[in-house]
Amino acid sequence: MLCTKCQRQVICMVYQLGQEDSRIKQMLSQMNRCEQRQLVKSH
């Protein structure tokens, strides 16, 4: 799964619509992990 700002925006929009779903939360946690990996690589 690619970690892009665009995907995070889409997930944020879904949250704003009030359609919280376990899959969305799973995607968020995966993206957070992926972003952490990118931060580690950039340092």
C-alpha atoms as a PDB file:
ATOM      1  CA  MET A   1       0.000   0.000   0.000  1.00  0.00           C
ATOM      2  CA  LEU A   2       1.395   3.372  -1.019  1.00  0.00           C
ATOM      3  CA  CYS A   3       1.537   6.083   1.616  1.00  0.00           C
ATOM      4  CA  THR A   4       0.529   9.317  -0.081  1.00  0.00           C
ATOM      5  CA  LYS A   5      -0.953  12.570   1.141  1.00  0.00           C
ATOM      6  CA  CYS A   6      -3.792  12.015  -1.320  1.00  0.00           C
ATOM      7  CA  GLN A   7      -4.799   8.722   0.307  1.00  0.00           C
ATOM      8  CA  ARG A   8      -4.660  10.295   3.751  1.00  0.00           C
ATOM      9  CA  GLN A   9      -6.922  13.112   2.518  1.00  0.00           C
ATOM     10  CA  VAL A  10      -9.434  10.591   1.202  1.00  0.00           C
ATOM     11  CA  ILE A  11      -9.484   8.758   4.536  1.00  0.00           C
ATOM     12  CA  CYS A  12      -9.900  12.085   6.361  1.00  0.00           C
ATOM     13  CA  MET A  13     -12.854  12.914   4.109  1.00  0.00           C
ATOM     14  CA  VAL A  14     -14.480   9.566   4.890  1.00  0.00           C
ATOM     15  CA  TYR A  15     -14.018  10.230   8.618  1.00  0.00           C
ATOM     16  CA  GLN A  16     -15.632  13.666   8.232  1.00  0.00           C
ATOM     17  CA  LEU A  17     -18.603  12.027   6.527  1.00  0.00           C
ATOM     18  CA  GLY A  18     -19.025   9.943   9.673  1.00  0.00           C
ATOM     19  CA  GLN A  19     -18.523   6.612   7.906  1.00  0.00           C
ATOM     20  CA  GLU A  20     -16.007   5.248  10.401  1.00  0.00           C
ATOM     21  CA  ASP A  21     -15.218   1.649   9.559  1.00  0.00           C
ATOM     22  CA  SER A  22     -12.784  -0.900  10.982  1.00  0.00           C
ATOM     23  CA  ARG A  23     -11.198  -1.181   7.525  1.00  0.00           C
ATOM     24  CA  ILE A  24     -10.602   2.577   7.417  1.00  0.00           C
ATOM     25  CA  LYS A  25      -9.026   2.491  10.871  1.00  0.00           C
ATOM     26  CA  GLN A  26      -6.850  -0.405   9.707  1.00  0.00           C
ATOM     27  CA  MET A  27      -5.765   1.615   6.663  1.00  0.00           C
ATOM     28  CA  LEU A  28      -4.947   4.585   8.898  1.00  0.00           C
ATOM     29  CA  SER A  29      -2.773   2.482  11.211  1.00  0.00           C
ATOM     30  CA  GLN A  30      -1.000   0.937   8.206  1.00  0.00           C
ATOM     31  CA  MET A  31      -0.314   4.381   6.763  1.00  0.00           C
ATOM     32  CA  ASN A  32       0.979   5.662  10.095  1.00  0.00           C
ATOM     33  CA  ARG A  33       3.403   2.752  10.243  1.00  0.00           C
ATOM     34  CA  CYS A  34       4.445   3.333   6.649  1.00  0.00           C
ATOM     35  CA  GLU A  35       5.018   7.041   7.294  1.00  0.00           C
ATOM     36  CA  GLN A  36       7.132   6.208  10.339  1.00  0.00           C
ATOM     37  CA  ARG A  37       9.276   3.950   8.134  1.00  0.00           C
ATOM     38  CA  GLN A  38       9.676   6.788   5.626  1.00  0.00           C
ATOM     39  CA  LEU A  39      10.758   9.140   8.427  1.00  0.00           C
ATOM     40  CA  VAL A  40      13.370   6.644   9.597  1.00  0.00           C
ATOM     41  CA  LYS A  41      14.689   6.268   6.042  1.00  0.00           C
ATOM     42  CA  SER A  42      14.908  10.039   5.508  1.00  0.00           C
ATOM     43  CA  HIS A  43      17.137  10.580   8.572  1.00  0.00           C
END
